[in-house]
Structure formats: C-alpha cells, structure tokens
C-alpha cells in the first residue's frame, strides 16, 4: 500500500507544476531611445469587480487550519491503507471551490468581473526603475487568458507608449509565459512597430512537465527520480521542488523508492482516470494561458484527457486552444523568421545545468529545471544530460566550420538554433532565477540596436556561467562541482518532509506563510 500511495503522491505533485508562480514582477532594459516593453511571466494578482484580491488565493482567518486538519487524516489513510476514495472526495470538496472566483467559463473567458490588478494611464506613462537594475515599461497580463487576448491589450499598451514617447517602434522582451504573448502579438499584429525582440527562457515550444501533466503521458524512470534527488539544489521559492525532494528522501530512506518505471506509468494513468482531469477542469484546465505551455507532442492527447466526452460543452474554449496551436505553436519558427526578415533584431536567452522534472523522458535532456535547452533556444542540439556530444559529431561540426558554436563543455551545439549568432546560454541558472547580470547582457543587445552577436564582446560570448555572487562570466568549460547533500537522519528527513508538505499546502492555497521552508532547510544545516 505504501508503494501505491507513493506513486499517487508523485503524480499529484508533478501535475501541480503549473501552480508555481513562474513569473516574478520585474523590470528590464530600455534600448537607447527606443522604449522597451517587458512582458513578464505568470503570477500577476487578480481582483474581482469590487477590487478585492482573488488571486493569490486566500481564506478567512483560521480556515486553512481546518482544511489541513480535515485533509491530513485522509491523506495518511491513503498513504498507509490505500483508501483513496475519501481523500479524492475531500480534494474535490476543498480544492475546486478555492478556484471558483478565478475560473474561466467554457469559452475561456473571465467571469464575475475578475481581472488583473494592473493598468496604465496613457497621459502618465513613463519608464520605471525596476528591481533588476534596468528601466522599462512593464506589461502585466491576466495569465489565465488566451495569449491572443493578452496580445490585444499589449497592442493597445504599445500604441499608447509610442504616442507618449514619440517613438516609432518599441523593443519587446518576453520572459517565460510572456514569450507566448509576444509570439501571439507578432502573429496577430506583425512587426511594423517592433525594433528588437528578446525571448528569455521561452516555453513557446512547450514545457514537457505541463504537457505530460495534462495528457497523462507519463514515462517514469526511477533512475531519473533518484538522479533528480542526487542533483537536487535549492531552487529558491520553488515549493514543489522542496516538497518533491523531501518526499523522495523519505521514500528512499524507507525503501519505497524501489519501484519500476512501468509500475509508476500504470498507476499514473489510474490516477488520471479517477481524479486528476476533474481537478484540472476545476482549477487550471480552463486557462488558455496555461494550455499555451503544453508541448506539441502532448497537445492532442491532453485535449482528449481533459475534454473527452465534453467537446460540445467546451467548444468555445477548445476553439481558442486550437487557434493558438495553429497560429503560434505550429508556426513559432516561421513567425520569428518572418520578423527577422522584416528587419526585427532577435536575441534568445536560454539557461541550463538542471534536471527537468522526472515524469517523462525529457528528464534525460539538458534543462533549466522547467524547459529543455532545445526548446528554450529554438533548436540547439544537445547531448543527453551527463554526456557530451560524440567525437564523430564534433568532427563533422568542425569540418563544416561550425565548431565556434560548440559549448566549452561539449554539451551544446548552437549552430542548429534558429538564431545561432544571437542566442546566449547561461549555465548554473535555473528557470526561476533572474539575476541582474543576465538583464545587463540583455540591455547590451538592445543598446547595440540588435547589432551585437555572440562574437562581438569577449565579455559576453555565447556561453556564460552564473557565479555564486549572481554575476555572470564567460564559461571556459571548467568542471562544476557536484552539489552533495549532507546525510540526514530519518528524524530529520521526516521533519523536512512534514514542513515541506505544510508549506506546499499553504502555497497551493495562495497563502504566504514565511519561514516554513526555511525552517525545514535550517534543520538540515
């Protein structure tokens, strides 16, 4: 029964990946006289028609403890006795109503006047100093909505900025989910108003974890699970990673982590048939903004899993999803190539050095922890994690005169990128890590009016590495020491897991309770 519960929890933790705010309010570069619009990622505050906050989610005082107290015994019964039905019922009862205020209707439209707590006044628009050292016009979006709906708002914002500043064009930066909005903007409105585009840690090709979570196409490999644990590092405010790591530590220490990948795959599908599609439809499954991060290989299967038998009921929403699929997901390369041909200068910034969430075979690929390097770089050829490109491959690359695009660690060939001369890679930086130093590099590209390449400045070659002080410097290929976890006693492992579980529940419910994860980590000091 313990093994069965273990598989259930792994699936449930991974399927909630999209609950992590991958966007942190930020600001970025302004290129010389051309204003820059920075489209940030997921996580902006939502309010209702009365101006009351509805996201991040919150409960009346004391409400959270009542939910925790009611859910925990059922969770323990599921964990120890295999009694899942009562736990499922409690999840339905407690989780789905929490999202009632921010749910979209069957057409993917906001209801009850819920909207983003952000706007602008055309007559007072000006660049603002941001937390990332740079200055910009920050664009926030209702991250739930269709990227094309947000692109319409972005177009109005750009129009007002142009009129206010007198500039004929703007620069556009799209970070994470913001990159999807930038792509939708280019698909809908073209390139006439755009000078430079910077795509930063892009999920335009999709996030394997989100696609797999929506489709149920799990391909578990226990070796990857164990490797994820061995290579685990503190990802800052990444609550899911902390919870998953602490649970796997507990499972490994008690001998539970001896399951075969096949057993995990079979149980994951069982879980999908019983509860997860229902929970997704009651939470994030109606959000086109999240669907935009489903990768192409999982898209059709995901629609079948989530909407199977309900196609007529959700016809309006499905039409939005299919429209984005056809106009952006399937044409991403073409959109950017057409923009470049029209004179738009384009730069891409990718990160690597971390294992992807280990729920499908993307765990074997180079990643920033969320998006594979191949995806975020628009086509880099990468060796599997822990390996290097073969001698034969490197010999062919050298014969073609393209060895200048080879990473110093022989992990990456950037010659196959969509824009090999203006694609930078930063090693040792996670997807949710935004050091000022990377934005300085992005600003340099904008201030060069897009003429800068990976060969222009010896201080900023194609391959960079983030240092302990958050600076970046040229990567020379020196080996990076493996991060080794200090041994923990069973008591400490259990303590860390309980703290992480409580912190994850609070985070899931949109309540910020500082100090819980820090306490767990401190116990491991």
Protein backbone atom coordinates (compact mmCIF):
# COMPACT_ATOMS: atom_id res chain seq x y z
CA UNK A 1 0.00 0.00 0.00
CA UNK A 2 2.88 2.36 0.78
CA UNK A 3 4.24 1.96 -2.76
CA UNK A 4 0.82 2.65 -4.25
CA UNK A 5 0.46 5.82 -2.19
CA UNK A 6 3.98 6.86 -3.16
CA UNK A 7 3.10 6.69 -6.85
CA UNK A 8 -0.10 8.63 -6.24
CA UNK A 9 1.71 11.44 -4.47
CA UNK A 10 4.43 11.69 -7.11
CA UNK A 11 1.79 12.04 -9.82
CA UNK A 12 -0.19 14.60 -7.86
CA UNK A 13 2.88 16.68 -7.04
CA UNK A 14 4.05 16.76 -10.63
CA UNK A 15 0.64 17.57 -12.05
CA UNK A 16 0.55 20.70 -9.89
CA UNK A 17 3.68 22.11 -11.53
CA UNK A 18 1.68 24.93 -13.08
CA UNK A 19 0.68 26.15 -9.62
CA UNK A 20 4.17 27.55 -9.05
CA UNK A 21 4.39 31.23 -9.93
CA UNK A 22 6.99 31.24 -12.65
CA UNK A 23 6.77 34.98 -13.03
CA UNK A 24 8.13 37.48 -10.56
CA UNK A 25 7.24 41.17 -11.02
CA UNK A 26 10.24 42.65 -12.72
CA UNK A 27 11.67 45.29 -14.93
CA UNK A 28 14.15 45.22 -17.76
CA UNK A 29 16.07 47.03 -20.40
CA UNK A 30 15.44 50.13 -22.44
CA UNK A 31 17.45 50.22 -25.66
CA UNK A 32 18.80 53.73 -26.22
CA UNK A 33 15.95 55.96 -27.48
CA UNK A 34 13.66 53.03 -28.22
CA UNK A 35 11.31 52.19 -25.34
CA UNK A 36 11.31 48.58 -24.18
CA UNK A 37 8.19 46.67 -23.16
CA UNK A 38 8.90 43.79 -20.81
CA UNK A 39 6.24 41.06 -20.85
CA UNK A 40 6.70 39.15 -17.62
CA UNK A 41 5.67 35.61 -16.79
CA UNK A 42 2.88 34.01 -14.83
CA UNK A 43 1.57 35.03 -11.42
CA UNK A 44 0.07 38.54 -11.54
CA UNK A 45 -2.52 39.48 -8.91
CA UNK A 46 -6.20 39.17 -9.84
CA UNK A 47 -9.08 41.13 -8.30
CA UNK A 48 -12.87 40.95 -8.64
CA UNK A 49 -15.27 43.68 -9.72
CA UNK A 50 -15.10 45.21 -6.23
CA UNK A 51 -11.32 45.38 -6.30
CA UNK A 52 -10.94 42.52 -3.81
CA UNK A 53 -7.99 40.18 -4.35
CA UNK A 54 -8.98 36.72 -5.55
CA UNK A 55 -5.51 35.54 -6.62
CA UNK A 56 -3.22 34.70 -4.91
CA UNK A 57 -5.94 32.72 -3.20
CA UNK A 58 -6.81 33.43 0.39
CA UNK A 59 -9.13 32.12 3.09
CA UNK A 60 -10.79 33.62 6.16
CA UNK A 61 -8.69 33.58 9.31
CA UNK A 62 -8.41 30.08 10.65
CA UNK A 63 -9.87 28.48 7.54
CA UNK A 64 -6.61 26.97 6.36
CA UNK A 65 -6.02 25.02 9.55
CA UNK A 66 -9.48 23.49 9.39
CA UNK A 67 -8.79 22.28 5.85
CA UNK A 68 -5.37 20.89 6.79
CA UNK A 69 -6.81 19.12 9.84
CA UNK A 70 -9.59 17.54 7.77
CA UNK A 71 -7.39 16.51 4.83
CA UNK A 72 -4.40 15.13 6.70
CA UNK A 73 -6.09 12.03 8.24
CA UNK A 74 -7.50 11.09 4.84
CA UNK A 75 -4.12 11.65 3.23
CA UNK A 76 -2.50 9.39 5.83
CA UNK A 77 -5.14 6.70 5.28
CA UNK A 78 -4.47 6.83 1.55
CA UNK A 79 -0.75 6.67 2.20
CA UNK A 80 -0.88 3.76 4.63
CA UNK A 81 -4.07 1.82 3.81
CA UNK A 82 -4.73 2.55 0.15
CA UNK A 83 -8.08 4.19 0.96
CA UNK A 84 -8.17 6.78 -1.80
CA UNK A 85 -11.87 7.48 -2.36
CA UNK A 86 -12.32 9.54 0.80
CA UNK A 87 -9.18 11.53 0.00
CA UNK A 88 -10.40 12.14 -3.54
CA UNK A 89 -13.77 13.33 -2.22
CA UNK A 90 -12.08 15.71 0.18
CA UNK A 91 -9.87 17.08 -2.61
CA UNK A 92 -12.97 17.75 -4.69
CA UNK A 93 -14.72 19.36 -1.76
CA UNK A 94 -11.83 21.58 -0.69
CA UNK A 95 -9.72 22.30 -3.76
CA UNK A 96 -12.20 23.02 -6.54
CA UNK A 97 -14.19 25.70 -4.63
CA UNK A 98 -10.94 27.54 -3.90
CA UNK A 99 -10.62 28.34 -7.60
CA UNK A 100 -14.27 29.30 -8.11
CA UNK A 101 -13.51 33.03 -8.15
CA UNK A 102 -10.83 32.78 -10.82
CA UNK A 103 -12.36 30.10 -13.01
CA UNK A 104 -12.91 30.90 -16.67
CA UNK A 105 -16.13 29.93 -18.40
CA UNK A 106 -16.46 27.21 -21.02
CA UNK A 107 -15.30 29.70 -23.66
CA UNK A 108 -12.10 30.57 -21.80
CA UNK A 109 -13.43 33.99 -20.74
CA UNK A 110 -13.21 35.63 -17.33
CA UNK A 111 -16.43 35.83 -15.30
CA UNK A 112 -17.73 37.84 -12.34
CA UNK A 113 -15.62 40.85 -13.28
CA UNK A 114 -12.33 39.20 -12.30
CA UNK A 115 -9.39 41.00 -13.89
CA UNK A 116 -5.72 41.76 -13.41
CA UNK A 117 -4.85 44.32 -10.75
CA UNK A 118 -2.79 46.36 -13.18
CA UNK A 119 -3.41 49.02 -15.76
CA UNK A 120 -2.00 52.25 -17.13
CA UNK A 121 -2.86 55.85 -17.77
CA UNK A 122 -1.76 56.95 -21.19
CA UNK A 123 -1.17 60.52 -20.03
CA UNK A 124 1.24 59.48 -17.28
CA UNK A 125 3.06 56.59 -18.92
CA UNK A 126 6.79 56.58 -18.28
CA UNK A 127 9.57 54.08 -17.86
CA UNK A 128 10.03 52.90 -14.30
CA UNK A 129 13.09 51.74 -12.40
CA UNK A 130 12.82 48.05 -11.70
CA UNK A 131 14.17 45.51 -9.29
CA UNK A 132 16.54 44.12 -11.92
CA UNK A 133 18.75 47.22 -12.23
CA UNK A 134 17.22 48.24 -15.54
CA UNK A 135 14.41 50.52 -16.72
CA UNK A 136 11.40 49.64 -18.82
CA UNK A 137 7.67 49.67 -19.46
CA UNK A 138 6.47 46.57 -17.69
CA UNK A 139 3.48 44.72 -19.13
CA UNK A 140 1.50 42.51 -16.81
CA UNK A 141 -1.09 40.10 -18.10
CA UNK A 142 -4.01 38.06 -16.90
CA UNK A 143 -2.02 34.85 -17.14
CA UNK A 144 -5.18 32.73 -17.31
CA UNK A 145 -6.33 34.12 -20.64
CA UNK A 146 -5.72 33.27 -24.28
CA UNK A 147 -2.34 34.76 -25.32
CA UNK A 148 -4.18 36.42 -28.21
CA UNK A 149 -6.49 38.22 -25.76
CA UNK A 150 -3.43 39.48 -23.92
CA UNK A 151 -1.81 40.39 -27.24
CA UNK A 152 -4.75 42.71 -27.94
CA UNK A 153 -4.10 44.50 -24.64
CA UNK A 154 -0.37 44.57 -25.36
CA UNK A 155 -1.08 46.21 -28.72
CA UNK A 156 -3.07 48.97 -27.01
CA UNK A 157 -0.26 49.42 -24.49
CA UNK A 158 2.37 49.68 -27.23
CA UNK A 159 0.23 52.18 -29.16
CA UNK A 160 -0.04 54.42 -26.10
CA UNK A 161 3.70 54.14 -25.36
CA UNK A 162 4.52 55.15 -28.92
CA UNK A 163 2.22 58.15 -28.76
CA UNK A 164 3.50 59.16 -25.34
CA UNK A 165 7.21 58.87 -26.22
CA UNK A 166 7.06 59.81 -29.89
CA UNK A 167 8.98 56.66 -30.77
CA UNK A 168 8.06 54.87 -33.98
CA UNK A 169 8.97 51.47 -32.57
CA UNK A 170 9.43 49.59 -29.32
CA UNK A 171 11.59 46.71 -28.16
CA UNK A 172 9.77 43.65 -26.85
CA UNK A 173 11.04 41.25 -24.18
CA UNK A 174 9.06 38.09 -23.46
CA UNK A 175 10.02 36.10 -20.37
CA UNK A 176 8.57 32.62 -19.83
CA UNK A 177 4.78 32.84 -20.37
CA UNK A 178 5.32 36.41 -21.54
CA UNK A 179 7.15 34.97 -24.57
CA UNK A 180 3.92 33.25 -25.62
CA UNK A 181 2.15 36.62 -25.52
CA UNK A 182 4.92 38.21 -27.58
CA UNK A 183 4.58 35.43 -30.16
CA UNK A 184 0.80 35.89 -30.28
CA UNK A 185 1.33 39.62 -30.73
CA UNK A 186 3.69 39.07 -33.67
CA UNK A 187 1.25 36.59 -35.22
CA UNK A 188 -1.68 38.99 -34.88
CA UNK A 189 -0.18 42.45 -35.40
CA UNK A 190 3.01 41.84 -37.33
CA UNK A 191 6.34 43.63 -36.95
CA UNK A 192 5.87 47.21 -38.08
CA UNK A 193 6.02 48.60 -34.54
CA UNK A 194 8.87 46.38 -33.32
CA UNK A 195 12.60 47.16 -33.30
CA UNK A 196 14.11 44.28 -31.28
CA UNK A 197 12.66 41.13 -29.73
CA UNK A 198 14.31 39.25 -26.87
CA UNK A 199 12.96 35.83 -25.93
CA UNK A 200 14.02 34.77 -22.44
CA UNK A 201 13.64 31.19 -21.09
CA UNK A 202 10.85 30.59 -23.55
CA UNK A 203 8.17 27.89 -23.22
CA UNK A 204 6.91 28.64 -26.76
CA UNK A 205 7.81 25.08 -27.78
CA UNK A 206 6.10 23.97 -24.58
CA UNK A 207 7.03 22.65 -21.15
CA UNK A 208 7.21 18.87 -21.12
CA UNK A 209 6.08 18.78 -17.50
CA UNK A 210 2.89 20.74 -18.22
CA UNK A 211 2.16 18.74 -21.37
CA UNK A 212 2.66 15.45 -19.60
CA UNK A 213 0.61 16.56 -16.61
CA UNK A 214 -2.30 17.49 -18.88
CA UNK A 215 -2.05 14.46 -21.17
CA UNK A 216 -1.16 11.76 -18.68
CA UNK A 217 1.63 10.52 -20.97
CA UNK A 218 3.89 9.66 -18.07
CA UNK A 219 7.13 7.82 -18.72
CA UNK A 220 8.60 7.42 -15.26
CA UNK A 221 12.14 6.27 -14.81
CA UNK A 222 13.15 5.60 -11.23
CA UNK A 223 16.79 6.19 -12.12
CA UNK A 224 15.83 9.73 -13.15
CA UNK A 225 13.87 10.18 -9.94
CA UNK A 226 16.89 9.16 -7.93
CA UNK A 227 19.20 11.31 -10.04
CA UNK A 228 16.85 14.26 -9.58
CA UNK A 229 17.26 13.74 -5.86
CA UNK A 230 21.03 13.36 -6.06
CA UNK A 231 21.35 16.55 -8.10
CA UNK A 232 18.72 18.48 -6.21
CA UNK A 233 19.67 22.02 -5.28
CA UNK A 234 17.83 24.76 -3.51
CA UNK A 235 15.68 26.40 -6.19
CA UNK A 236 14.75 29.36 -4.02
CA UNK A 237 10.98 29.71 -3.61
CA UNK A 238 10.27 26.54 -5.59
CA UNK A 239 7.84 24.92 -3.15
CA UNK A 240 7.04 21.93 -5.36
CA UNK A 241 10.69 21.01 -5.75
CA UNK A 242 11.25 21.20 -2.00
CA UNK A 243 8.20 19.03 -1.32
CA UNK A 244 9.04 16.50 -4.01
CA UNK A 245 12.63 16.25 -2.86
CA UNK A 246 11.72 15.83 0.79
CA UNK A 247 9.12 13.18 -0.03
CA UNK A 248 11.52 11.25 -2.24
CA UNK A 249 14.11 11.41 0.53
CA UNK A 250 11.59 9.89 2.91
CA UNK A 251 10.58 7.25 0.35
CA UNK A 252 14.18 6.37 -0.41
CA UNK A 253 15.16 6.14 3.23
CA UNK A 254 12.29 3.73 3.96
CA UNK A 255 12.90 1.58 0.87
CA UNK A 256 9.79 2.70 -1.03
CA UNK A 257 11.83 4.07 -3.91
CA UNK A 258 12.37 0.67 -5.50
CA UNK A 259 9.52 0.89 -7.99
CA UNK A 260 9.85 0.16 -11.67
CA UNK A 261 9.13 2.85 -14.24
CA UNK A 262 6.38 0.66 -15.68
CA UNK A 263 4.62 0.42 -12.34
CA UNK A 264 4.71 4.19 -11.97
CA UNK A 265 3.37 4.67 -15.51
CA UNK A 266 0.45 2.30 -14.92
CA UNK A 267 -0.52 3.89 -11.64
CA UNK A 268 -0.23 7.41 -13.01
CA UNK A 269 -2.82 6.55 -15.66
CA UNK A 270 -5.06 5.04 -12.96
CA UNK A 271 -4.86 8.29 -11.05
CA UNK A 272 -5.80 10.23 -14.17
CA UNK A 273 -8.87 8.09 -14.72
CA UNK A 274 -10.03 8.66 -11.15
CA UNK A 275 -9.40 12.26 -10.15
CA UNK A 276 -6.82 14.45 -11.85
CA UNK A 277 -8.70 15.56 -15.00
CA UNK A 278 -11.59 16.60 -12.79
CA UNK A 279 -9.28 18.61 -10.54
CA UNK A 280 -7.66 20.23 -13.57
CA UNK A 281 -11.02 21.27 -15.03
CA UNK A 282 -11.85 22.71 -11.63
CA UNK A 283 -8.60 24.66 -11.40
CA UNK A 284 -6.18 25.35 -14.27
CA UNK A 285 -7.62 23.24 -17.08
CA UNK A 286 -9.79 26.04 -18.45
CA UNK A 287 -6.91 28.54 -18.67
CA UNK A 288 -5.70 29.05 -22.27
CA UNK A 289 -2.57 30.74 -20.88
CA UNK A 290 -1.55 27.50 -19.19
CA UNK A 291 -2.57 25.43 -22.21
CA UNK A 292 -0.16 27.51 -24.30
CA UNK A 293 2.65 25.80 -22.38
CA UNK A 294 1.54 22.31 -23.37
CA UNK A 295 4.09 20.94 -25.84
CA UNK A 296 3.11 19.84 -29.34
CA UNK A 297 3.62 16.11 -28.78
CA UNK A 298 1.16 16.10 -25.86
CA UNK A 299 -1.39 18.63 -27.11
CA UNK A 300 -3.96 16.37 -28.80
CA UNK A 301 -3.75 13.73 -26.08
CA UNK A 302 -4.20 16.43 -23.44
CA UNK A 303 -7.39 17.65 -25.09
CA UNK A 304 -8.74 14.11 -25.13
CA UNK A 305 -7.89 13.55 -21.47
CA UNK A 306 -9.32 16.84 -20.20
CA UNK A 307 -12.28 17.33 -22.56
CA UNK A 308 -13.07 13.77 -23.67
CA UNK A 309 -16.86 13.43 -23.89
CA UNK A 310 -17.29 17.16 -23.15
CA UNK A 311 -16.24 18.59 -26.50
CA UNK A 312 -19.58 20.33 -27.15
CA UNK A 313 -19.70 21.77 -23.63
CA UNK A 314 -16.23 23.31 -24.02
CA UNK A 315 -16.37 24.05 -27.75
CA UNK A 316 -15.57 27.76 -27.29
CA UNK A 317 -12.53 27.07 -25.15
CA UNK A 318 -11.27 24.32 -27.44
CA UNK A 319 -11.57 26.70 -30.39
CA UNK A 320 -9.27 29.17 -28.61
CA UNK A 321 -6.77 26.44 -27.80
CA UNK A 322 -6.76 25.17 -31.38
CA UNK A 323 -6.37 28.69 -32.74
CA UNK A 324 -3.23 29.23 -30.67
CA UNK A 325 -1.99 25.78 -31.64
CA UNK A 326 -2.28 26.51 -35.35
CA UNK A 327 -1.18 30.15 -35.37
CA UNK A 328 1.65 30.06 -32.80
CA UNK A 329 2.67 26.63 -31.56
CA UNK A 330 2.92 25.18 -35.08
CA UNK A 331 4.39 28.37 -36.61
CA UNK A 332 6.78 29.58 -33.92
CA UNK A 333 9.92 29.34 -36.05
CA UNK A 334 8.18 30.89 -39.05
CA UNK A 335 6.87 33.82 -37.01
CA UNK A 336 10.36 34.71 -35.79
CA UNK A 337 11.98 34.12 -39.16
CA UNK A 338 9.46 36.41 -40.83
CA UNK A 339 10.07 39.04 -38.16
CA UNK A 340 13.83 38.84 -38.74
CA UNK A 341 13.31 39.11 -42.49
CA UNK A 342 11.27 42.25 -41.86
CA UNK A 343 14.26 43.80 -40.06
CA UNK A 344 13.44 42.95 -36.45
CA UNK A 345 16.57 42.12 -34.44
CA UNK A 346 16.08 38.97 -32.38
CA UNK A 347 18.02 37.54 -29.44
CA UNK A 348 17.33 34.40 -27.42
CA UNK A 349 18.48 33.64 -23.87
CA UNK A 350 18.43 30.08 -22.51
CA UNK A 351 19.67 28.51 -19.27
CA UNK A 352 20.91 25.06 -18.36
CA UNK A 353 22.50 22.90 -15.72
CA UNK A 354 19.45 21.34 -14.02
CA UNK A 355 17.43 18.19 -14.45
CA UNK A 356 13.89 18.54 -15.77
CA UNK A 357 11.02 17.28 -13.63
CA UNK A 358 11.38 13.49 -13.89
CA UNK A 359 7.96 12.45 -15.12
CA UNK A 360 8.80 11.71 -18.76
CA UNK A 361 11.83 11.19 -20.97
CA UNK A 362 12.62 14.92 -21.04
CA UNK A 363 14.40 14.28 -17.73
CA UNK A 364 17.29 12.98 -19.84
CA UNK A 365 17.65 16.33 -21.66
CA UNK A 366 19.57 19.45 -20.72
CA UNK A 367 17.23 21.81 -18.95
CA UNK A 368 16.85 24.86 -16.73
CA UNK A 369 14.66 22.75 -14.45
CA UNK A 370 11.46 23.59 -16.33
CA UNK A 371 12.15 23.96 -20.06
CA UNK A 372 14.61 21.90 -22.08
CA UNK A 373 17.52 23.73 -23.70
CA UNK A 374 16.44 22.53 -27.14
CA UNK A 375 13.07 24.22 -26.60
CA UNK A 376 14.19 27.44 -24.92
CA UNK A 377 16.96 28.02 -27.50
CA UNK A 378 14.75 27.25 -30.51
CA UNK A 379 16.67 24.25 -31.73
CA UNK A 380 20.08 23.75 -30.11
CA UNK A 381 21.44 20.22 -30.48
CA UNK A 382 22.26 18.88 -27.03
CA UNK A 383 23.92 15.81 -25.64
CA UNK A 384 21.90 13.89 -23.05
CA UNK A 385 22.49 15.10 -19.53
CA UNK A 386 25.72 13.77 -18.10
CA UNK A 387 27.16 13.14 -21.56
CA UNK A 388 28.92 15.13 -24.26
CA UNK A 389 28.38 15.27 -28.00
CA UNK A 390 30.16 12.41 -29.73
CA UNK A 391 33.61 12.71 -31.26
CA UNK A 392 32.11 11.98 -34.67
CA UNK A 393 29.52 14.75 -34.25
CA UNK A 394 32.15 17.26 -33.16
CA UNK A 395 34.40 16.24 -36.06
CA UNK A 396 31.58 16.87 -38.53
CA UNK A 397 30.80 20.19 -36.84
CA UNK A 398 34.44 21.22 -37.13
CA UNK A 399 34.64 20.15 -40.77
CA UNK A 400 31.65 22.36 -41.54
CA UNK A 401 33.36 25.32 -39.83
CA UNK A 402 30.74 25.47 -37.10
CA UNK A 403 32.78 24.39 -34.09
CA UNK A 404 32.68 28.03 -32.94
CA UNK A 405 29.13 27.28 -31.78
CA UNK A 406 30.19 24.34 -29.60
CA UNK A 407 29.88 24.86 -25.86
CA UNK A 408 33.12 24.62 -23.85
CA UNK A 409 31.73 21.55 -22.06
CA UNK A 410 30.78 19.94 -25.41
CA UNK A 411 27.16 19.66 -24.26
CA UNK A 412 25.57 22.04 -26.79
CA UNK A 413 25.83 22.83 -30.48
CA UNK A 414 24.21 26.22 -31.08
CA UNK A 415 24.70 26.09 -34.85
CA UNK A 416 21.30 24.41 -35.18
CA UNK A 417 19.49 27.20 -33.32
CA UNK A 418 17.05 29.39 -35.18
CA UNK A 419 19.36 32.37 -34.48
CA UNK A 420 22.78 30.87 -33.74
CA UNK A 421 24.62 34.22 -33.72
CA UNK A 422 22.28 35.85 -31.20
CA UNK A 423 21.45 33.00 -28.83
CA UNK A 424 23.13 33.03 -25.43
CA UNK A 425 23.30 30.18 -22.90
CA UNK A 426 23.77 30.72 -19.16
CA UNK A 427 24.88 27.68 -17.19
CA UNK A 428 24.09 27.23 -13.50
CA UNK A 429 20.98 29.44 -13.59
CA UNK A 430 17.51 27.99 -13.04
CA UNK A 431 14.31 28.91 -14.82
CA UNK A 432 13.03 30.80 -11.77
CA UNK A 433 16.28 32.63 -11.11
CA UNK A 434 16.57 36.17 -12.55
CA UNK A 435 19.93 37.75 -11.66
CA UNK A 436 20.53 41.35 -12.69
CA UNK A 437 23.63 40.25 -14.55
CA UNK A 438 21.61 38.50 -17.25
CA UNK A 439 19.49 41.60 -17.73
CA UNK A 440 22.66 43.62 -18.18
CA UNK A 441 23.55 41.33 -21.09
CA UNK A 442 20.04 41.75 -22.49
CA UNK A 443 20.36 45.51 -22.17
CA UNK A 444 23.66 45.47 -24.07
CA UNK A 445 21.97 43.76 -27.00
CA UNK A 446 19.21 46.36 -27.04
CA UNK A 447 21.63 49.27 -26.74
CA UNK A 448 23.55 47.89 -29.71
CA UNK A 449 20.29 48.21 -31.65
CA UNK A 450 20.48 44.50 -32.28
CA UNK A 451 23.91 44.51 -33.92
CA UNK A 452 25.57 42.66 -31.06
CA UNK A 453 26.29 38.96 -31.61
CA UNK A 454 27.80 36.20 -29.50
CA UNK A 455 31.13 37.05 -31.12
CA UNK A 456 31.03 40.83 -30.58
CA UNK A 457 32.19 41.18 -26.99
CA UNK A 458 34.68 38.80 -25.34
CA UNK A 459 32.98 39.57 -22.02
CA UNK A 460 29.71 38.15 -23.31
CA UNK A 461 30.39 35.11 -25.50
CA UNK A 462 27.72 32.59 -26.42
CA UNK A 463 28.27 30.51 -23.29
CA UNK A 464 28.18 32.18 -19.89
CA UNK A 465 28.09 30.84 -16.35
CA UNK A 466 26.34 32.27 -13.31
CA UNK A 467 28.63 32.64 -10.33
CA UNK A 468 27.85 32.37 -6.63
CA UNK A 469 27.52 36.16 -6.34
CA UNK A 470 24.90 36.15 -9.15
CA UNK A 471 27.31 37.70 -11.64
CA UNK A 472 27.83 36.00 -15.00
CA UNK A 473 31.14 35.46 -16.72
CA UNK A 474 32.42 33.65 -19.82
CA UNK A 475 32.17 29.90 -19.36
CA UNK A 476 35.51 28.23 -20.02
CA UNK A 477 34.32 24.67 -19.56
CA UNK A 478 35.76 24.16 -16.11
CA UNK A 479 34.02 21.33 -14.25
CA UNK A 480 31.29 22.33 -11.85
CA UNK A 481 31.46 20.59 -8.51
CA UNK A 482 28.51 18.33 -7.85
CA UNK A 483 26.27 19.53 -5.04
CA UNK A 484 26.26 16.81 -2.44
CA UNK A 485 23.52 16.67 0.14
CA UNK A 486 24.68 16.26 3.72
CA UNK A 487 23.45 12.96 5.22
CA UNK A 488 20.27 13.31 7.24
CA UNK A 489 18.85 11.16 9.97
CA UNK A 490 15.42 9.58 9.50
CA UNK A 491 14.07 12.05 12.04
CA UNK A 492 15.44 14.99 10.05
CA UNK A 493 14.13 13.55 6.79
CA UNK A 494 10.63 13.16 8.25
CA UNK A 495 10.82 16.64 9.77
CA UNK A 496 11.81 18.15 6.43
CA UNK A 497 9.03 16.35 4.60
CA UNK A 498 6.32 17.44 7.06
CA UNK A 499 7.48 21.05 6.88
CA UNK A 500 7.64 20.95 3.09
CA UNK A 501 4.19 19.37 2.87
CA UNK A 502 2.62 22.06 5.05
CA UNK A 503 4.42 24.82 3.13
CA UNK A 504 3.25 23.34 -0.17
CA UNK A 505 -0.36 23.25 1.03
CA UNK A 506 -0.18 26.89 2.09
CA UNK A 507 1.43 27.85 -1.22
CA UNK A 508 -1.16 25.84 -3.18
CA UNK A 509 -3.88 27.79 -1.40
CA UNK A 510 -2.20 31.08 -2.24
CA UNK A 511 -1.24 31.94 1.33
CA UNK A 512 2.23 33.23 2.09
CA UNK A 513 3.45 31.76 5.37
CA UNK A 514 7.14 32.75 5.59
CA UNK A 515 9.63 30.66 7.42
CA UNK A 516 8.29 27.13 6.98
CA UNK A 517 10.61 26.02 4.18
CA UNK A 518 13.43 27.99 5.78
CA UNK A 519 12.84 26.06 8.99
CA UNK A 520 12.98 22.77 7.11
CA UNK A 521 16.19 23.75 5.37
CA UNK A 522 17.66 25.06 8.58
CA UNK A 523 17.04 21.70 10.19
CA UNK A 524 19.26 20.22 7.51
CA UNK A 525 22.09 22.65 8.13
